[in-house]
Amino acid sequence: MDNKIKDFREERGLSQGKLAELCNVSRQTINAIENNKYDPSLQLAFDIAKNLGVTVDVLFLPKGELGK
């Protein structure tokens, strides 16, 4: 799964640490998700999307769809 977390996070002026705090996870977790080293649980995906003001389907994309 690919994601646009970094793009939306930076657009909103949030650091990885601040987003992590809002989602009750570590900064390392947000970093791992952004770098496609870890797929979040469904609940965490919804929490991230909510805190970025987008829907999950906008934030997460099937592998290979990011460049399209």
PDB file of N, CA and C in Angstrom:
ATOM      1  N   MET A   1       0.839  -1.169   0.000  1.00  0.00           N
ATOM      2  CA  MET A   1       0.000   0.000   0.000  1.00  0.00           C
ATOM      3  C   MET A   1       0.894   1.245   0.000  1.00  0.00           C
ATOM      4  N   ASP A   2       0.590   2.190  -0.839  1.00  0.00           N
ATOM      5  CA  ASP A   2       1.292   3.476  -0.873  1.00  0.00           C
ATOM      6  C   ASP A   2       0.454   4.486  -0.102  1.00  0.00           C
ATOM      7  N   ASN A   3       1.073   5.579   0.286  1.00  0.00           N
ATOM      8  CA  ASN A   3       0.308   6.592   1.010  1.00  0.00           C
ATOM      9  C   ASN A   3       0.841   7.989   0.715  1.00  0.00           C
ATOM     10  N   LYS A   4       0.003   8.952   1.027  1.00  0.00           N
ATOM     11  CA  LYS A   4       0.343  10.370   0.830  1.00  0.00           C
ATOM     12  C   LYS A   4       0.437  11.095   2.174  1.00  0.00           C
ATOM     13  N   ILE A   5       0.737  10.367   3.221  1.00  0.00           N
ATOM     14  CA  ILE A   5       0.770  10.960   4.557  1.00  0.00           C
ATOM     15  C   ILE A   5       1.744  12.132   4.614  1.00  0.00           C
ATOM     16  N   LYS A   6       2.955  11.925   4.125  1.00  0.00           N
ATOM     17  CA  LYS A   6       3.965  12.987   4.197  1.00  0.00           C
ATOM     18  C   LYS A   6       3.484  14.243   3.486  1.00  0.00           C
ATOM     19  N   ASP A   7       2.907  14.079   2.294  1.00  0.00           N
ATOM     20  CA  ASP A   7       2.425  15.235   1.532  1.00  0.00           C
ATOM     21  C   ASP A   7       1.382  16.025   2.323  1.00  0.00           C
ATOM     22  N   PHE A   8       0.363  15.329   2.828  1.00  0.00           N
ATOM     23  CA  PHE A   8      -0.699  16.007   3.579  1.00  0.00           C
ATOM     24  C   PHE A   8      -0.173  16.570   4.902  1.00  0.00           C
ATOM     25  N   ARG A   9       0.717  15.833   5.557  1.00  0.00           N
ATOM     26  CA  ARG A   9       1.275  16.290   6.830  1.00  0.00           C
ATOM     27  C   ARG A   9       2.059  17.583   6.636  1.00  0.00           C
ATOM     28  N   GLU A  10       2.928  17.616   5.632  1.00  0.00           N
ATOM     29  CA  GLU A  10       3.734  18.808   5.381  1.00  0.00           C
ATOM     30  C   GLU A  10       2.869  19.979   4.926  1.00  0.00           C
ATOM     31  N   GLU A  11       1.838  19.695   4.121  1.00  0.00           N
ATOM     32  CA  GLU A  11       0.900  20.735   3.684  1.00  0.00           C
ATOM     33  C   GLU A  11       0.267  21.445   4.876  1.00  0.00           C
ATOM     34  N   ARG A  12       0.038  20.682   5.931  1.00  0.00           N
ATOM     35  CA  ARG A  12      -0.624  21.214   7.121  1.00  0.00           C
ATOM     36  C   ARG A  12       0.361  21.712   8.180  1.00  0.00           C
ATOM     37  N   GLY A  13       1.644  21.657   7.849  1.00  0.00           N
ATOM     38  CA  GLY A  13       2.662  22.164   8.759  1.00  0.00           C
ATOM     39  C   GLY A  13       2.855  21.323  10.003  1.00  0.00           C
ATOM     40  N   LEU A  14       2.571  20.027   9.897  1.00  0.00           N
ATOM     41  CA  LEU A  14       2.724  19.134  11.045  1.00  0.00           C
ATOM     42  C   LEU A  14       4.033  18.351  10.942  1.00  0.00           C
ATOM     43  N   SER A  15       4.711  18.211  12.053  1.00  0.00           N
ATOM     44  CA  SER A  15       5.887  17.353  12.098  1.00  0.00           C
ATOM     45  C   SER A  15       5.425  15.909  12.295  1.00  0.00           C
ATOM     46  N   GLN A  16       6.327  14.964  12.053  1.00  0.00           N
ATOM     47  CA  GLN A  16       5.993  13.572  12.332  1.00  0.00           C
ATOM     48  C   GLN A  16       5.653  13.405  13.810  1.00  0.00           C
ATOM     49  N   GLY A  17       6.392  14.087  14.668  1.00  0.00           N
ATOM     50  CA  GLY A  17       6.155  13.994  16.103  1.00  0.00           C
ATOM     51  C   GLY A  17       4.784  14.497  16.502  1.00  0.00           C
ATOM     52  N   LYS A  18       4.358  15.612  15.918  1.00  0.00           N
ATOM     53  CA  LYS A  18       3.043  16.176  16.248  1.00  0.00           C
ATOM     54  C   LYS A  18       1.925  15.264  15.760  1.00  0.00           C
ATOM     55  N   LEU A  19       2.041  14.749  14.538  1.00  0.00           N
ATOM     56  CA  LEU A  19       1.030  13.828  14.035  1.00  0.00           C
ATOM     57  C   LEU A  19       0.989  12.572  14.905  1.00  0.00           C
ATOM     58  N   ALA A  20       2.145  12.085  15.284  1.00  0.00           N
ATOM     59  CA  ALA A  20       2.215  10.910  16.157  1.00  0.00           C
ATOM     60  C   ALA A  20       1.494  11.172  17.480  1.00  0.00           C
ATOM     61  N   GLU A  21       1.744  12.335  18.045  1.00  0.00           N
ATOM     62  CA  GLU A  21       1.096  12.719  19.304  1.00  0.00           C
ATOM     63  C   GLU A  21      -0.429  12.750  19.144  1.00  0.00           C
ATOM     64  N   LEU A  22      -0.901  13.327  18.050  1.00  0.00           N
ATOM     65  CA  LEU A  22      -2.338  13.404  17.797  1.00  0.00           C
ATOM     66  C   LEU A  22      -2.968  12.021  17.633  1.00  0.00           C
ATOM     67  N   CYS A  23      -2.170  11.066  17.141  1.00  0.00           N
ATOM     68  CA  CYS A  23      -2.666   9.711  16.881  1.00  0.00           C
ATOM     69  C   CYS A  23      -2.310   8.719  17.988  1.00  0.00           C
ATOM     70  N   ASN A  24      -1.636   9.217  19.026  1.00  0.00           N
ATOM     71  CA  ASN A  24      -1.235   8.364  20.161  1.00  0.00           C
ATOM     72  C   ASN A  24      -0.321   7.209  19.761  1.00  0.00           C
ATOM     73  N   VAL A  25       0.643   7.506  18.886  1.00  0.00           N
ATOM     74  CA  VAL A  25       1.668   6.538  18.500  1.00  0.00           C
ATOM     75  C   VAL A  25       3.022   7.238  18.558  1.00  0.00           C
ATOM     76  N   SER A  26       4.089   6.498  18.306  1.00  0.00           N
ATOM     77  CA  SER A  26       5.419   7.101  18.319  1.00  0.00           C
ATOM     78  C   SER A  26       5.731   7.772  16.982  1.00  0.00           C
ATOM     79  N   ARG A  27       6.679   8.689  17.004  1.00  0.00           N
ATOM     80  CA  ARG A  27       7.130   9.329  15.771  1.00  0.00           C
ATOM     81  C   ARG A  27       7.694   8.275  14.825  1.00  0.00           C
ATOM     82  N   GLN A  28       8.349   7.258  15.383  1.00  0.00           N
ATOM     83  CA  GLN A  28       8.927   6.188  14.571  1.00  0.00           C
ATOM     84  C   GLN A  28       7.845   5.424  13.798  1.00  0.00           C
ATOM     85  N   THR A  29       6.669   5.287  14.414  1.00  0.00           N
ATOM     86  CA  THR A  29       5.553   4.611  13.736  1.00  0.00           C
ATOM     87  C   THR A  29       5.121   5.413  12.517  1.00  0.00           C
ATOM     88  N   ILE A  30       4.967   6.730  12.692  1.00  0.00           N
ATOM     89  CA  ILE A  30       4.572   7.579  11.564  1.00  0.00           C
ATOM     90  C   ILE A  30       5.641   7.516  10.480  1.00  0.00           C
ATOM     91  N   ASN A  31       6.902   7.562  10.863  1.00  0.00           N
ATOM     92  CA  ASN A  31       8.001   7.483   9.899  1.00  0.00           C
ATOM     93  C   ASN A  31       7.957   6.173   9.127  1.00  0.00           C
ATOM     94  N   ALA A  32       7.746   5.065   9.818  1.00  0.00           N
ATOM     95  CA  ALA A  32       7.700   3.752   9.167  1.00  0.00           C
ATOM     96  C   ALA A  32       6.528   3.654   8.189  1.00  0.00           C
ATOM     97  N   ILE A  33       5.384   4.225   8.563  1.00  0.00           N
ATOM     98  CA  ILE A  33       4.222   4.206   7.670  1.00  0.00           C
ATOM     99  C   ILE A  33       4.491   5.065   6.436  1.00  0.00           C
ATOM    100  N   GLU A  34       5.020   6.266   6.652  1.00  0.00           N
ATOM    101  CA  GLU A  34       5.324   7.155   5.526  1.00  0.00           C
ATOM    102  C   GLU A  34       6.292   6.515   4.536  1.00  0.00           C
ATOM    103  N   ASN A  35       7.222   5.719   5.056  1.00  0.00           N
ATOM    104  CA  ASN A  35       8.245   5.099   4.214  1.00  0.00           C
ATOM    105  C   ASN A  35       7.876   3.684   3.771  1.00  0.00           C
ATOM    106  N   ASN A  36       6.591   3.348   3.916  1.00  0.00           N
ATOM    107  CA  ASN A  36       6.069   2.045   3.471  1.00  0.00           C
ATOM    108  C   ASN A  36       6.800   0.851   4.075  1.00  0.00           C
ATOM    109  N   LYS A  37       7.255   1.005   5.312  1.00  0.00           N
ATOM    110  CA  LYS A  37       7.893  -0.099   6.025  1.00  0.00           C
ATOM    111  C   LYS A  37       6.921  -0.767   6.982  1.00  0.00           C
ATOM    112  N   TYR A  38       5.745  -0.163   7.138  1.00  0.00           N
ATOM    113  CA  TYR A  38       4.752  -0.676   8.079  1.00  0.00           C
ATOM    114  C   TYR A  38       3.373  -0.242   7.598  1.00  0.00           C
ATOM    115  N   ASP A  39       2.442  -1.181   7.548  1.00  0.00           N
ATOM    116  CA  ASP A  39       1.056  -0.852   7.214  1.00  0.00           C
ATOM    117  C   ASP A  39       0.292  -0.661   8.518  1.00  0.00           C
ATOM    118  N   PRO A  40      -0.381   0.470   8.668  1.00  0.00           N
ATOM    119  CA  PRO A  40      -1.096   0.736   9.926  1.00  0.00           C
ATOM    120  C   PRO A  40      -2.337  -0.137  10.074  1.00  0.00           C
ATOM    121  N   SER A  41      -2.764  -0.293  11.313  1.00  0.00           N
ATOM    122  CA  SER A  41      -4.045  -0.955  11.558  1.00  0.00           C
ATOM    123  C   SER A  41      -5.137  -0.078  10.951  1.00  0.00           C
ATOM    124  N   LEU A  42      -6.302  -0.638  10.784  1.00  0.00           N
ATOM    125  CA  LEU A  42      -7.416   0.124  10.231  1.00  0.00           C
ATOM    126  C   LEU A  42      -7.742   1.318  11.120  1.00  0.00           C
ATOM    127  N   GLN A  43      -7.741   1.105  12.436  1.00  0.00           N
ATOM    128  CA  GLN A  43      -8.033   2.198  13.360  1.00  0.00           C
ATOM    129  C   GLN A  43      -7.005   3.320  13.237  1.00  0.00           C
ATOM    130  N   LEU A  44      -5.722   2.952  13.153  1.00  0.00           N
ATOM    131  CA  LEU A  44      -4.683   3.973  13.027  1.00  0.00           C
ATOM    132  C   LEU A  44      -4.803   4.700  11.691  1.00  0.00           C
ATOM    133  N   ALA A  45      -5.132   3.986  10.630  1.00  0.00           N
ATOM    134  CA  ALA A  45      -5.330   4.633   9.332  1.00  0.00           C
ATOM    135  C   ALA A  45      -6.430   5.685   9.422  1.00  0.00           C
ATOM    136  N   PHE A  46      -7.542   5.352  10.096  1.00  0.00           N
ATOM    137  CA  PHE A  46      -8.629   6.316  10.267  1.00  0.00           C
ATOM    138  C   PHE A  46      -8.197   7.487  11.142  1.00  0.00           C
ATOM    139  N   ASP A  47      -7.414   7.215  12.190  1.00  0.00           N
ATOM    140  CA  ASP A  47      -6.929   8.290  13.065  1.00  0.00           C
ATOM    141  C   ASP A  47      -6.022   9.255  12.306  1.00  0.00           C
ATOM    142  N   ILE A  48      -5.114   8.714  11.509  1.00  0.00           N
ATOM    143  CA  ILE A  48      -4.212   9.557  10.720  1.00  0.00           C
ATOM    144  C   ILE A  48      -5.017  10.408   9.745  1.00  0.00           C
ATOM    145  N   ALA A  49      -5.932   9.775   9.027  1.00  0.00           N
ATOM    146  CA  ALA A  49      -6.748  10.503   8.053  1.00  0.00           C
ATOM    147  C   ALA A  49      -7.546  11.611   8.738  1.00  0.00           C
ATOM    148  N   LYS A  50      -8.155  11.295   9.866  1.00  0.00           N
ATOM    149  CA  LYS A  50      -8.949  12.286  10.601  1.00  0.00           C
ATOM    150  C   LYS A  50      -8.083  13.482  11.002  1.00  0.00           C
ATOM    151  N   ASN A  51      -6.900  13.210  11.525  1.00  0.00           N
ATOM    152  CA  ASN A  51      -6.026  14.286  11.981  1.00  0.00           C
ATOM    153  C   ASN A  51      -5.426  15.092  10.833  1.00  0.00           C
ATOM    154  N   LEU A  52      -5.449  14.535   9.636  1.00  0.00           N
ATOM    155  CA  LEU A  52      -4.979  15.270   8.457  1.00  0.00           C
ATOM    156  C   LEU A  52      -6.137  15.900   7.689  1.00  0.00           C
ATOM    157  N   GLY A  53      -7.357  15.622   8.116  1.00  0.00           N
ATOM    158  CA  GLY A  53      -8.530  16.234   7.493  1.00  0.00           C
ATOM    159  C   GLY A  53      -8.879  15.669   6.129  1.00  0.00           C
ATOM    160  N   VAL A  54      -8.548  14.393   5.923  1.00  0.00           N
ATOM    161  CA  VAL A  54      -8.866  13.727   4.661  1.00  0.00           C
ATOM    162  C   VAL A  54      -9.511  12.378   4.960  1.00  0.00           C
ATOM    163  N   THR A  55      -9.968  11.710   3.909  1.00  0.00           N
ATOM    164  CA  THR A  55     -10.524  10.376   4.089  1.00  0.00           C
ATOM    165  C   THR A  55      -9.442   9.331   3.825  1.00  0.00           C
ATOM    166  N   VAL A  56      -9.654   8.145   4.352  1.00  0.00           N
ATOM    167  CA  VAL A  56      -8.682   7.066   4.213  1.00  0.00           C
ATOM    168  C   VAL A  56      -8.416   6.742   2.743  1.00  0.00           C
ATOM    169  N   ASP A  57      -9.455   6.777   1.911  1.00  0.00           N
ATOM    170  CA  ASP A  57      -9.270   6.423   0.503  1.00  0.00           C
ATOM    171  C   ASP A  57      -8.424   7.446  -0.264  1.00  0.00           C
ATOM    172  N   VAL A  58      -8.353   8.663   0.242  1.00  0.00           N
ATOM    173  CA  VAL A  58      -7.502   9.689  -0.372  1.00  0.00           C
ATOM    174  C   VAL A  58      -6.057   9.526   0.100  1.00  0.00           C
ATOM    175  N   LEU A  59      -5.904   9.092   1.342  1.00  0.00           N
ATOM    176  CA  LEU A  59      -4.593   8.991   1.976  1.00  0.00           C
ATOM    177  C   LEU A  59      -3.825   7.738   1.579  1.00  0.00           C
ATOM    178  N   PHE A  60      -4.528   6.625   1.462  1.00  0.00           N
ATOM    179  CA  PHE A  60      -3.889   5.338   1.162  1.00  0.00           C
ATOM    180  C   PHE A  60      -4.328   4.833  -0.197  1.00  0.00           C
ATOM    181  N   LEU A  61      -3.362   4.356  -0.970  1.00  0.00           N
ATOM    182  CA  LEU A  61      -3.615   3.889  -2.330  1.00  0.00           C
ATOM    183  C   LEU A  61      -3.001   2.510  -2.529  1.00  0.00           C
ATOM    184  N   PRO A  62      -3.582   1.714  -3.431  1.00  0.00           N
ATOM    185  CA  PRO A  62      -2.950   0.416  -3.751  1.00  0.00           C
ATOM    186  C   PRO A  62      -1.536   0.638  -4.293  1.00  0.00           C
ATOM    187  N   LYS A  63      -0.657  -0.317  -4.067  1.00  0.00           N
ATOM    188  CA  LYS A  63       0.724  -0.236  -4.567  1.00  0.00           C
ATOM    189  C   LYS A  63       0.721   0.121  -6.050  1.00  0.00           C
ATOM    190  N   GLY A  64       1.570   1.055  -6.427  1.00  0.00           N
ATOM    191  CA  GLY A  64       1.707   1.431  -7.817  1.00  0.00           C
ATOM    192  C   GLY A  64       0.749   2.520  -8.289  1.00  0.00           C
ATOM    193  N   GLU A  65      -0.220   2.893  -7.470  1.00  0.00           N
ATOM    194  CA  GLU A  65      -1.196   3.900  -7.874  1.00  0.00           C
ATOM    195  C   GLU A  65      -0.745   5.322  -7.547  1.00  0.00           C
ATOM    196  N   LEU A  66       0.280   5.485  -6.733  1.00  0.00           N
ATOM    197  CA  LEU A  66       0.716   6.800  -6.261  1.00  0.00           C
ATOM    198  C   LEU A  66       1.131   7.713  -7.410  1.00  0.00           C
ATOM    199  N   GLY A  67       1.824   7.182  -8.385  1.00  0.00           N
ATOM    200  CA  GLY A  67       2.316   7.995  -9.487  1.00  0.00           C
ATOM    201  C   GLY A  67       1.270   8.318 -10.545  1.00  0.00           C
ATOM    202  N   LYS A  68       0.114   7.715 -10.445  1.00  0.00           N
ATOM    203  CA  LYS A  68      -0.921   7.901 -11.476  1.00  0.00           C
ATOM    204  C   LYS A  68      -1.767   9.116 -11.225  1.00  0.00           C
TER     205      LYS A  68
END
